[in-house]
PDB file of all heavy atoms in Angstrom:
ATOM      1  N   PHE A   1      73.239 103.195 101.215  1.00  0.00           N
ATOM      2  CA  PHE A   1      74.132 103.215 100.056  1.00  0.00           C
ATOM      3  C   PHE A   1      75.468 102.547 100.378  1.00  0.00           C
ATOM      4  O   PHE A   1      76.163 102.060  99.488  1.00  0.00           O
ATOM      5  CB  PHE A   1      74.372 104.661  99.608  1.00  0.00           C
ATOM      6  CG  PHE A   1      75.164 104.815  98.329  1.00  0.00           C
ATOM      7  CD1 PHE A   1      74.520 104.913  97.115  1.00  0.00           C
ATOM      8  CD2 PHE A   1      76.549 104.884  98.357  1.00  0.00           C
ATOM      9  CE1 PHE A   1      75.254 105.063  95.924  1.00  0.00           C
ATOM     10  CE2 PHE A   1      77.289 105.029  97.185  1.00  0.00           C
ATOM     11  CZ  PHE A   1      76.640 105.120  95.964  1.00  0.00           C
ATOM     12  N   VAL A   2      75.818 102.504 101.657  1.00  0.00           N
ATOM     13  CA  VAL A   2      77.150 102.073 102.085  1.00  0.00           C
ATOM     14  C   VAL A   2      77.515 100.696 101.551  1.00  0.00           C
ATOM     15  O   VAL A   2      78.644 100.463 101.102  1.00  0.00           O
ATOM     16  CB  VAL A   2      77.246 102.106 103.630  1.00  0.00           C
ATOM     17  CG1 VAL A   2      78.479 101.358 104.113  1.00  0.00           C
ATOM     18  CG2 VAL A   2      77.269 103.536 104.136  1.00  0.00           C
ATOM     19  N   GLU A   3      76.564  99.752 101.594  1.00  0.00           N
ATOM     20  CA  GLU A   3      76.872  98.376 101.189  1.00  0.00           C
ATOM     21  C   GLU A   3      76.805  98.162  99.678  1.00  0.00           C
ATOM     22  O   GLU A   3      77.185  97.090  99.185  1.00  0.00           O
ATOM     23  CB  GLU A   3      75.918  97.402 101.882  1.00  0.00           C
ATOM     24  CG  GLU A   3      76.011  97.392 103.403  1.00  0.00           C
ATOM     25  CD  GLU A   3      77.370  96.954 103.919  1.00  0.00           C
ATOM     26  OE1 GLU A   3      78.089  96.241 103.178  1.00  0.00           O
ATOM     27  OE2 GLU A   3      77.721  97.335 105.048  1.00  0.00           O
ATOM     28  N   TYR A   4      76.361  99.166  98.958  1.00  0.00           N
ATOM     29  CA  TYR A   4      76.175  99.018  97.512  1.00  0.00           C
ATOM     30  C   TYR A   4      77.483  98.765  96.757  1.00  0.00           C
ATOM     31  O   TYR A   4      77.601  97.765  96.034  1.00  0.00           O
ATOM     32  CB  TYR A   4      75.430 100.254  96.997  1.00  0.00           C
ATOM     33  CG  TYR A   4      75.479 100.534  95.527  1.00  0.00           C
ATOM     34  CD1 TYR A   4      75.123  99.562  94.594  1.00  0.00           C
ATOM     35  CD2 TYR A   4      75.843 101.800  95.060  1.00  0.00           C
ATOM     36  CE1 TYR A   4      75.148  99.852  93.235  1.00  0.00           C
ATOM     37  CE2 TYR A   4      75.865 102.094  93.716  1.00  0.00           C
ATOM     38  CZ  TYR A   4      75.529 101.120  92.798  1.00  0.00           C
ATOM     39  OH  TYR A   4      75.556 101.402  91.467  1.00  0.00           O
ATOM     40  N   PRO A   5      78.522  99.599  96.912  1.00  0.00           N
ATOM     41  CA  PRO A   5      79.754  99.323  96.161  1.00  0.00           C
ATOM     42  C   PRO A   5      80.382  97.985  96.514  1.00  0.00           C
ATOM     43  O   PRO A   5      80.958  97.310  95.643  1.00  0.00           O
ATOM     44  CB  PRO A   5      80.674 100.488  96.567  1.00  0.00           C
ATOM     45  CG  PRO A   5      79.762 101.567  97.038  1.00  0.00           C
ATOM     46  CD  PRO A   5      78.619 100.857  97.693  1.00  0.00           C
ATOM     47  N   SER A   6      80.266  97.582  97.778  1.00  0.00           N
ATOM     48  CA  SER A   6      80.874  96.313  98.190  1.00  0.00           C
ATOM     49  C   SER A   6      80.125  95.130  97.595  1.00  0.00           C
ATOM     50  O   SER A   6      80.737  94.128  97.196  1.00  0.00           O
ATOM     51  CB  SER A   6      80.900  96.223  99.714  1.00  0.00           C
ATOM     52  OG  SER A   6      79.618  96.431 100.262  1.00  0.00           O
ATOM     53  N   GLN A   7      78.802  95.239  97.529  1.00  0.00           N
ATOM     54  CA  GLN A   7      78.025  94.137  96.964  1.00  0.00           C
ATOM     55  C   GLN A   7      78.237  94.037  95.453  1.00  0.00           C
ATOM     56  O   GLN A   7      78.280  92.935  94.901  1.00  0.00           O
ATOM     57  CB  GLN A   7      76.552  94.302  97.331  1.00  0.00           C
ATOM     58  CG  GLN A   7      76.318  94.071  98.814  1.00  0.00           C
ATOM     59  CD  GLN A   7      74.875  94.237  99.273  1.00  0.00           C
ATOM     60  OE1 GLN A   7      74.614  94.285 100.459  1.00  0.00           O
ATOM     61  NE2 GLN A   7      73.932  94.330  98.354  1.00  0.00           N
ATOM     62  N   VAL A   8      78.399  95.159  94.796  1.00  0.00           N
ATOM     63  CA  VAL A   8      78.699  95.125  93.364  1.00  0.00           C
ATOM     64  C   VAL A   8      79.999  94.358  93.119  1.00  0.00           C
ATOM     65  O   VAL A   8      80.110  93.543  92.199  1.00  0.00           O
ATOM     66  CB  VAL A   8      78.801  96.559  92.792  1.00  0.00           C
ATOM     67  CG1 VAL A   8      79.341  96.528  91.362  1.00  0.00           C
ATOM     68  CG2 VAL A   8      77.441  97.246  92.808  1.00  0.00           C
ATOM     69  N   ASN A   9      80.994  94.611  93.969  1.00  0.00           N
ATOM     70  CA  ASN A   9      82.322  94.036  93.730  1.00  0.00           C
ATOM     71  C   ASN A   9      82.338  92.515  93.825  1.00  0.00           C
ATOM     72  O   ASN A   9      83.228  91.868  93.260  1.00  0.00           O
ATOM     73  CB  ASN A   9      83.333  94.622  94.712  1.00  0.00           C
ATOM     74  CG  ASN A   9      84.760  94.451  94.234  1.00  0.00           C
ATOM     75  OD1 ASN A   9      85.110  94.889  93.132  1.00  0.00           O
ATOM     76  ND2 ASN A   9      85.586  93.803  95.029  1.00  0.00           N
ATOM     77  N   GLU A  10      81.374  91.926  94.512  1.00  0.00           N
ATOM     78  CA  GLU A  10      81.330  90.468  94.619  1.00  0.00           C
ATOM     79  C   GLU A  10      81.222  89.789  93.250  1.00  0.00           C
ATOM     80  O   GLU A  10      81.663  88.654  93.075  1.00  0.00           O
ATOM     81  CB  GLU A  10      80.141  90.039  95.489  1.00  0.00           C
ATOM     82  CG  GLU A  10      80.245  90.438  96.953  1.00  0.00           C
ATOM     83  CD  GLU A  10      79.011  90.004  97.734  1.00  0.00           C
ATOM     84  OE1 GLU A  10      78.448  88.950  97.400  1.00  0.00           O
ATOM     85  OE2 GLU A  10      78.608  90.725  98.672  1.00  0.00           O
ATOM     86  N   HIS A  11      80.630  90.477  92.287  1.00  0.00           N
ATOM     87  CA  HIS A  11      80.341  89.847  91.000  1.00  0.00           C
ATOM     88  C   HIS A  11      81.602  89.403  90.252  1.00  0.00           C
ATOM     89  O   HIS A  11      81.542  88.491  89.423  1.00  0.00           O
ATOM     90  CB  HIS A  11      79.537  90.802  90.113  1.00  0.00           C
ATOM     91  CG  HIS A  11      78.129  91.028  90.573  1.00  0.00           C
ATOM     92  ND1 HIS A  11      77.101  90.175  90.267  1.00  0.00           N
ATOM     93  CD2 HIS A  11      77.584  92.011  91.332  1.00  0.00           C
ATOM     94  CE1 HIS A  11      75.971  90.624  90.808  1.00  0.00           C
ATOM     95  NE2 HIS A  11      76.242  91.732  91.455  1.00  0.00           N
ATOM     96  N   TRP A  12      82.740  90.065  90.513  1.00  0.00           N
ATOM     97  CA  TRP A  12      83.924  89.764  89.708  1.00  0.00           C
ATOM     98  C   TRP A  12      84.664  88.521  90.167  1.00  0.00           C
ATOM     99  O   TRP A  12      85.542  88.030  89.465  1.00  0.00           O
ATOM    100  CB  TRP A  12      84.845  90.988  89.664  1.00  0.00           C
ATOM    101  CG  TRP A  12      84.371  91.939  88.601  1.00  0.00           C
ATOM    102  CD1 TRP A  12      84.735  91.932  87.282  1.00  0.00           C
ATOM    103  CD2 TRP A  12      83.392  92.966  88.747  1.00  0.00           C
ATOM    104  NE1 TRP A  12      84.043  92.912  86.605  1.00  0.00           N
ATOM    105  CE2 TRP A  12      83.217  93.562  87.480  1.00  0.00           C
ATOM    106  CE3 TRP A  12      82.652  93.453  89.821  1.00  0.00           C
ATOM    107  CZ2 TRP A  12      82.341  94.616  87.264  1.00  0.00           C
ATOM    108  CZ3 TRP A  12      81.770  94.503  89.617  1.00  0.00           C
ATOM    109  CH2 TRP A  12      81.615  95.070  88.354  1.00  0.00           C
ATOM    110  N   LEU A  13      84.334  87.977  91.331  1.00  0.00           N
ATOM    111  CA  LEU A  13      85.025  86.786  91.818  1.00  0.00           C
ATOM    112  C   LEU A  13      84.930  85.637  90.824  1.00  0.00           C
ATOM    113  O   LEU A  13      85.924  84.955  90.544  1.00  0.00           O
ATOM    114  CB  LEU A  13      84.438  86.359  93.176  1.00  0.00           C
ATOM    115  CG  LEU A  13      84.891  84.990  93.693  1.00  0.00           C
ATOM    116  CD1 LEU A  13      86.401  84.977  93.953  1.00  0.00           C
ATOM    117  CD2 LEU A  13      84.120  84.609  94.956  1.00  0.00           C
ATOM    118  N   LEU A  14      83.745  85.380  90.292  1.00  0.00           N
ATOM    119  CA  LEU A  14      83.522  84.204  89.448  1.00  0.00           C
ATOM    120  C   LEU A  14      83.606  84.512  87.959  1.00  0.00           C
ATOM    121  O   LEU A  14      83.142  83.723  87.134  1.00  0.00           O
ATOM    122  CB  LEU A  14      82.174  83.564  89.790  1.00  0.00           C
ATOM    123  CG  LEU A  14      82.102  82.934  91.188  1.00  0.00           C
ATOM    124  CD1 LEU A  14      80.717  82.364  91.453  1.00  0.00           C
ATOM    125  CD2 LEU A  14      83.158  81.853  91.371  1.00  0.00           C
ATOM    126  N   THR A  15      84.209  85.642  87.609  1.00  0.00           N
ATOM    127  CA  THR A  15      84.470  85.866  86.186  1.00  0.00           C
ATOM    128  C   THR A  15      85.573  84.912  85.742  1.00  0.00           C
ATOM    129  O   THR A  15      86.497  84.596  86.505  1.00  0.00           O
ATOM    130  CB  THR A  15      84.907  87.320  85.925  1.00  0.00           C
ATOM    131  OG1 THR A  15      86.043  87.618  86.738  1.00  0.00           O
ATOM    132  CG2 THR A  15      83.781  88.294  86.240  1.00  0.00           C
ATOM    133  N   ARG A  16      85.459  84.454  84.522  1.00  0.00           N
ATOM    134  CA  ARG A  16      86.405  83.450  84.030  1.00  0.00           C
ATOM    135  C   ARG A  16      87.843  83.953  84.105  1.00  0.00           C
ATOM    136  O   ARG A  16      88.772  83.187  84.410  1.00  0.00           O
ATOM    137  CB  ARG A  16      86.032  83.109  82.589  1.00  0.00           C
ATOM    138  CG  ARG A  16      86.775  81.951  81.954  1.00  0.00           C
ATOM    139  CD  ARG A  16      86.378  80.603  82.521  1.00  0.00           C
ATOM    140  NE  ARG A  16      87.333  80.078  83.471  1.00  0.00           N
ATOM    141  CZ  ARG A  16      87.234  78.870  84.027  1.00  0.00           C
ATOM    142  NH1 ARG A  16      86.211  78.088  83.732  1.00  0.00           N
ATOM    143  NH2 ARG A  16      88.131  78.448  84.872  1.00  0.00           N
ATOM    144  N   ASP A  17      88.044  85.228  83.853  1.00  0.00           N
ATOM    145  CA  ASP A  17      89.393  85.784  83.841  1.00  0.00           C
ATOM    146  C   ASP A  17      90.047  85.699  85.225  1.00  0.00           C
ATOM    147  O   ASP A  17      91.212  85.314  85.359  1.00  0.00           O
ATOM    148  CB  ASP A  17      89.353  87.240  83.371  1.00  0.00           C
ATOM    149  CG  ASP A  17      90.677  87.680  82.795  1.00  0.00           C
ATOM    150  OD1 ASP A  17      91.400  86.845  82.239  1.00  0.00           O
ATOM    151  OD2 ASP A  17      91.012  88.872  82.927  1.00  0.00           O
ATOM    152  N   VAL A  18      89.309  86.072  86.276  1.00  0.00           N
ATOM    153  CA  VAL A  18      89.841  85.999  87.638  1.00  0.00           C
ATOM    154  C   VAL A  18      90.090  84.546  88.021  1.00  0.00           C
ATOM    155  O   VAL A  18      91.134  84.208  88.600  1.00  0.00           O
ATOM    156  CB  VAL A  18      88.886  86.680  88.645  1.00  0.00           C
ATOM    157  CG1 VAL A  18      89.283  86.359  90.079  1.00  0.00           C
ATOM    158  CG2 VAL A  18      88.871  88.184  88.425  1.00  0.00           C
ATOM    159  N   LEU A  19      89.147  83.676  87.687  1.00  0.00           N
ATOM    160  CA  LEU A  19      89.305  82.262  88.024  1.00  0.00           C
ATOM    161  C   LEU A  19      90.524  81.651  87.338  1.00  0.00           C
ATOM    162  O   LEU A  19      91.306  80.927  87.952  1.00  0.00           O
ATOM    163  CB  LEU A  19      88.049  81.493  87.645  1.00  0.00           C
ATOM    164  CG  LEU A  19      86.780  81.814  88.441  1.00  0.00           C
ATOM    165  CD1 LEU A  19      85.596  81.048  87.867  1.00  0.00           C
ATOM    166  CD2 LEU A  19      86.958  81.480  89.911  1.00  0.00           C
ATOM    167  N   ASP A  20      90.683  81.949  86.054  1.00  0.00           N
ATOM    168  CA  ASP A  20      91.787  81.353  85.305  1.00  0.00           C
ATOM    169  C   ASP A  20      93.144  81.790  85.843  1.00  0.00           C
ATOM    170  O   ASP A  20      94.100  81.011  85.868  1.00  0.00           O
ATOM    171  CB  ASP A  20      91.690  81.718  83.828  1.00  0.00           C
ATOM    172  CG  ASP A  20      90.576  80.950  83.114  1.00  0.00           C
ATOM    173  OD1 ASP A  20      90.077  79.962  83.688  1.00  0.00           O
ATOM    174  OD2 ASP A  20      90.207  81.345  81.999  1.00  0.00           O
ATOM    175  N   LYS A  21      93.225  83.030  86.270  1.00  0.00           N
ATOM    176  CA  LYS A  21      94.514  83.553  86.729  1.00  0.00           C
ATOM    177  C   LYS A  21      94.787  83.240  88.201  1.00  0.00           C
ATOM    178  O   LYS A  21      95.940  83.042  88.601  1.00  0.00           O
ATOM    179  CB  LYS A  21      94.567  85.071  86.513  1.00  0.00           C
ATOM    180  CG  LYS A  21      94.700  85.505  85.058  1.00  0.00           C
ATOM    181  CD  LYS A  21      94.746  87.020  84.950  1.00  0.00           C
ATOM    182  CE  LYS A  21      95.126  87.449  83.533  1.00  0.00           C
ATOM    183  NZ  LYS A  21      94.099  87.095  82.549  1.00  0.00           N
ATOM    184  N   TYR A  22      93.728  83.198  89.028  1.00  0.00           N
ATOM    185  CA  TYR A  22      93.959  83.175  90.475  1.00  0.00           C
ATOM    186  C   TYR A  22      93.263  82.049  91.236  1.00  0.00           C
ATOM    187  O   TYR A  22      93.758  81.641  92.286  1.00  0.00           O
ATOM    188  CB  TYR A  22      93.570  84.527  91.082  1.00  0.00           C
ATOM    189  CG  TYR A  22      94.399  85.643  90.502  1.00  0.00           C
ATOM    190  CD1 TYR A  22      93.893  86.471  89.503  1.00  0.00           C
ATOM    191  CD2 TYR A  22      95.714  85.828  90.910  1.00  0.00           C
ATOM    192  CE1 TYR A  22      94.673  87.472  88.943  1.00  0.00           C
ATOM    193  CE2 TYR A  22      96.503  86.821  90.357  1.00  0.00           C
ATOM    194  CZ  TYR A  22      95.974  87.642  89.373  1.00  0.00           C
ATOM    195  OH  TYR A  22      96.753  88.620  88.818  1.00  0.00           O
ATOM    196  N   ALA A  23      92.136  81.544  90.742  1.00  0.00           N
ATOM    197  CA  ALA A  23      91.469  80.449  91.463  1.00  0.00           C
ATOM    198  C   ALA A  23      91.994  79.121  90.927  1.00  0.00           C
ATOM    199  O   ALA A  23      91.265  78.335  90.317  1.00  0.00           O
ATOM    200  CB  ALA A  23      89.956  80.553  91.305  1.00  0.00           C
ATOM    201  N   ARG A  24      93.259  78.882  91.158  1.00  0.00           N
ATOM    202  CA  ARG A  24      93.913  77.679  90.659  1.00  0.00           C
ATOM    203  C   ARG A  24      94.118  76.694  91.803  1.00  0.00           C
ATOM    204  O   ARG A  24      94.338  77.086  92.944  1.00  0.00           O
ATOM    205  CB  ARG A  24      95.241  78.032  89.989  1.00  0.00           C
ATOM    206  CG  ARG A  24      95.089  79.090  88.894  1.00  0.00           C
ATOM    207  CD  ARG A  24      96.389  79.354  88.164  1.00  0.00           C
ATOM    208  NE  ARG A  24      96.704  78.283  87.229  1.00  0.00           N
ATOM    209  CZ  ARG A  24      96.302  78.248  85.963  1.00  0.00           C
ATOM    210  NH1 ARG A  24      95.564  79.236  85.472  1.00  0.00           N
ATOM    211  NH2 ARG A  24      96.636  77.243  85.179  1.00  0.00           N
ATOM    212  N   HIS A  25      94.028  75.420  91.492  1.00  0.00           N
ATOM    213  CA  HIS A  25      94.143  74.371  92.507  1.00  0.00           C
ATOM    214  C   HIS A  25      95.460  74.508  93.251  1.00  0.00           C
ATOM    215  O   HIS A  25      96.531  74.610  92.641  1.00  0.00           O
ATOM    216  CB  HIS A  25      94.054  72.999  91.842  1.00  0.00           C
ATOM    217  CG  HIS A  25      93.761  71.885  92.788  1.00  0.00           C
ATOM    218  ND1 HIS A  25      94.711  71.397  93.661  1.00  0.00           N
ATOM    219  CD2 HIS A  25      92.620  71.170  93.016  1.00  0.00           C
ATOM    220  CE1 HIS A  25      94.182  70.419  94.376  1.00  0.00           C
ATOM    221  NE2 HIS A  25      92.906  70.261  94.016  1.00  0.00           N
ATOM    222  N   TYR A  26      95.382  74.524  94.577  1.00  0.00           N
ATOM    223  CA  TYR A  26      96.582  74.815  95.367  1.00  0.00           C
ATOM    224  C   TYR A  26      97.649  73.735  95.250  1.00  0.00           C
ATOM    225  O   TYR A  26      98.831  73.986  95.534  1.00  0.00           O
ATOM    226  CB  TYR A  26      96.205  75.034  96.838  1.00  0.00           C
ATOM    227  CG  TYR A  26      95.983  73.776  97.646  1.00  0.00           C
ATOM    228  CD1 TYR A  26      96.970  73.275  98.503  1.00  0.00           C
ATOM    229  CD2 TYR A  26      94.781  73.072  97.561  1.00  0.00           C
ATOM    230  CE1 TYR A  26      96.764  72.121  99.241  1.00  0.00           C
ATOM    231  CE2 TYR A  26      94.568  71.925  98.304  1.00  0.00           C
ATOM    232  CZ  TYR A  26      95.562  71.452  99.138  1.00  0.00           C
ATOM    233  OH  TYR A  26      95.353  70.310  99.870  1.00  0.00           O
ATOM    234  N   GLN A  27      97.276  72.524  94.808  1.00  0.00           N
ATOM    235  CA  GLN A  27      98.258  71.444  94.673  1.00  0.00           C
ATOM    236  C   GLN A  27      98.742  71.280  93.243  1.00  0.00           C
ATOM    237  O   GLN A  27      99.936  71.157  92.985  1.00  0.00           O
ATOM    238  CB  GLN A  27      97.660  70.121  95.165  1.00  0.00           C
ATOM    239  CG  GLN A  27      97.441  70.071  96.673  1.00  0.00           C
ATOM    240  CD  GLN A  27      96.710  68.808  97.104  1.00  0.00           C
ATOM    241  OE1 GLN A  27      95.723  68.403  96.476  1.00  0.00           O
ATOM    242  NE2 GLN A  27      97.185  68.197  98.189  1.00  0.00           N
ATOM    243  N   THR A  28      97.803  71.297  92.286  1.00  0.00           N
ATOM    244  CA  THR A  28      98.161  71.025  90.894  1.00  0.00           C
ATOM    245  C   THR A  28      98.421  72.286  90.080  1.00  0.00           C
ATOM    246  O   THR A  28      99.050  72.216  89.028  1.00  0.00           O
ATOM    247  CB  THR A  28      97.044  70.231  90.204  1.00  0.00           C
ATOM    248  OG1 THR A  28      95.872  71.080  90.084  1.00  0.00           O
ATOM    249  CG2 THR A  28      96.686  68.988  91.001  1.00  0.00           C
ATOM    250  N   GLY A  29      97.905  73.419  90.555  1.00  0.00           N
ATOM    251  CA  GLY A  29      98.041  74.653  89.790  1.00  0.00           C
ATOM    252  C   GLY A  29      97.058  74.761  88.641  1.00  0.00           C
ATOM    253  O   GLY A  29      97.085  75.733  87.874  1.00  0.00           O
ATOM    254  N   ALA A  30      96.189  73.769  88.501  1.00  0.00           N
ATOM    255  CA  ALA A  30      95.225  73.770  87.398  1.00  0.00           C
ATOM    256  C   ALA A  30      94.126  74.789  87.647  1.00  0.00           C
ATOM    257  O   ALA A  30      93.695  75.002  88.781  1.00  0.00           O
ATOM    258  CB  ALA A  30      94.620  72.382  87.239  1.00  0.00           C
ATOM    259  N   ALA A  31      93.677  75.425  86.561  1.00  0.00           N
ATOM    260  CA  ALA A  31      92.554  76.359  86.664  1.00  0.00           C
ATOM    261  C   ALA A  31      91.276  75.585  86.946  1.00  0.00           C
ATOM    262  O   ALA A  31      91.167  74.391  86.612  1.00  0.00           O
ATOM    263  CB  ALA A  31      92.419  77.154  85.374  1.00  0.00           C
ATOM    264  N   MET A  32      90.314  76.262  87.533  1.00  0.00           N
ATOM    265  CA  MET A  32      89.038  75.613  87.805  1.00  0.00           C
ATOM    266  C   MET A  32      88.398  75.165  86.492  1.00  0.00           C
ATOM    267  O   MET A  32      88.228  75.977  85.573  1.00  0.00           O
ATOM    268  CB  MET A  32      88.096  76.577  88.532  1.00  0.00           C
ATOM    269  CG  MET A  32      86.748  75.959  88.866  1.00  0.00           C
ATOM    270  SD  MET A  32      85.627  77.131  89.684  1.00  0.00           S
ATOM    271  CE  MET A  32      86.385  77.254  91.306  1.00  0.00           C
ATOM    272  N   PRO A  33      88.047  73.891  86.368  1.00  0.00           N
ATOM    273  CA  PRO A  33      87.426  73.409  85.132  1.00  0.00           C
ATOM    274  C   PRO A  33      86.115  74.135  84.846  1.00  0.00           C
ATOM    275  O   PRO A  33      85.371  74.481  85.773  1.00  0.00           O
ATOM    276  CB  PRO A  33      87.182  71.925  85.411  1.00  0.00           C
ATOM    277  CG  PRO A  33      88.064  71.589  86.568  1.00  0.00           C
ATOM    278  CD  PRO A  33      88.186  72.835  87.371  1.00  0.00           C
ATOM    279  N   GLN A  34      85.839  74.344  83.577  1.00  0.00           N
ATOM    280  CA  GLN A  34      84.598  75.012  83.204  1.00  0.00           C
ATOM    281  C   GLN A  34      83.387  74.223  83.695  1.00  0.00           C
ATOM    282  O   GLN A  34      82.374  74.813  84.087  1.00  0.00           O
ATOM    283  CB  GLN A  34      84.518  75.179  81.681  1.00  0.00           C
ATOM    284  CG  GLN A  34      83.296  75.955  81.204  1.00  0.00           C
ATOM    285  CD  GLN A  34      83.249  77.373  81.725  1.00  0.00           C
ATOM    286  OE1 GLN A  34      84.260  78.053  81.755  1.00  0.00           O
ATOM    287  NE2 GLN A  34      82.063  77.827  82.148  1.00  0.00           N
ATOM    288  N   ALA A  35      83.516  72.913  83.717  1.00  0.00           N
ATOM    289  CA  ALA A  35      82.392  72.090  84.176  1.00  0.00           C
ATOM    290  C   ALA A  35      82.055  72.394  85.634  1.00  0.00           C
ATOM    291  O   ALA A  35      80.881  72.413  86.021  1.00  0.00           O
ATOM    292  CB  ALA A  35      82.718  70.612  84.005  1.00  0.00           C
ATOM    293  N   LEU A  36      83.084  72.636  86.453  1.00  0.00           N
ATOM    294  CA  LEU A  36      82.849  72.960  87.858  1.00  0.00           C
ATOM    295  C   LEU A  36      82.246  74.359  87.984  1.00  0.00           C
ATOM    296  O   LEU A  36      81.319  74.577  88.783  1.00  0.00           O
ATOM    297  CB  LEU A  36      84.160  72.865  88.640  1.00  0.00           C
ATOM    298  CG  LEU A  36      84.069  73.063  90.157  1.00  0.00           C
ATOM    299  CD1 LEU A  36      83.060  72.099  90.780  1.00  0.00           C
ATOM    300  CD2 LEU A  36      85.442  72.873  90.803  1.00  0.00           C
ATOM    301  N   LEU A  37      82.746  75.305  87.183  1.00  0.00           N
ATOM    302  CA  LEU A  37      82.162  76.651  87.201  1.00  0.00           C
ATOM    303  C   LEU A  37      80.712  76.607  86.732  1.00  0.00           C
ATOM    304  O   LEU A  37      79.849  77.303  87.292  1.00  0.00           O
ATOM    305  CB  LEU A  37      82.972  77.594  86.316  1.00  0.00           C
ATOM    306  CG  LEU A  37      82.427  79.026  86.197  1.00  0.00           C
ATOM    307  CD1 LEU A  37      82.352  79.694  87.567  1.00  0.00           C
ATOM    308  CD2 LEU A  37      83.290  79.850  85.246  1.00  0.00           C
ATOM    309  N   ASP A  38      80.435  75.768  85.741  1.00  0.00           N
ATOM    310  CA  ASP A  38      79.049  75.645  85.265  1.00  0.00           C
ATOM    311  C   ASP A  38      78.135  75.162  86.392  1.00  0.00           C
ATOM    312  O   ASP A  38      76.989  75.612  86.509  1.00  0.00           O
ATOM    313  CB  ASP A  38      78.983  74.671  84.086  1.00  0.00           C
ATOM    314  CG  ASP A  38      79.599  75.249  82.813  1.00  0.00           C
ATOM    315  OD1 ASP A  38      79.793  76.475  82.745  1.00  0.00           O
ATOM    316  OD2 ASP A  38      79.905  74.452  81.902  1.00  0.00           O
ATOM    317  N   LYS A  39      78.661  74.246  87.205  1.00  0.00           N
ATOM    318  CA  LYS A  39      77.862  73.771  88.335  1.00  0.00           C
ATOM    319  C   LYS A  39      77.607  74.899  89.336  1.00  0.00           C
ATOM    320  O   LYS A  39      76.513  75.016  89.885  1.00  0.00           O
ATOM    321  CB  LYS A  39      78.577  72.615  89.034  1.00  0.00           C
ATOM    322  CG  LYS A  39      78.675  71.332  88.210  1.00  0.00           C
ATOM    323  CD  LYS A  39      79.459  70.269  88.969  1.00  0.00           C
ATOM    324  CE  LYS A  39      79.644  69.013  88.136  1.00  0.00           C
ATOM    325  NZ  LYS A  39      80.435  67.978  88.866  1.00  0.00           N
TER     326      LYS A  39
END
């Protein structure tokens, strides 16, 4: 059971909300394009 909560939490990394707010290009500040997320 130990690894279960940690593995569940991985799912939120690629939610659009987290990406838009925090996965922004370190040079331009632009959010990850939807086309790249789709890939």
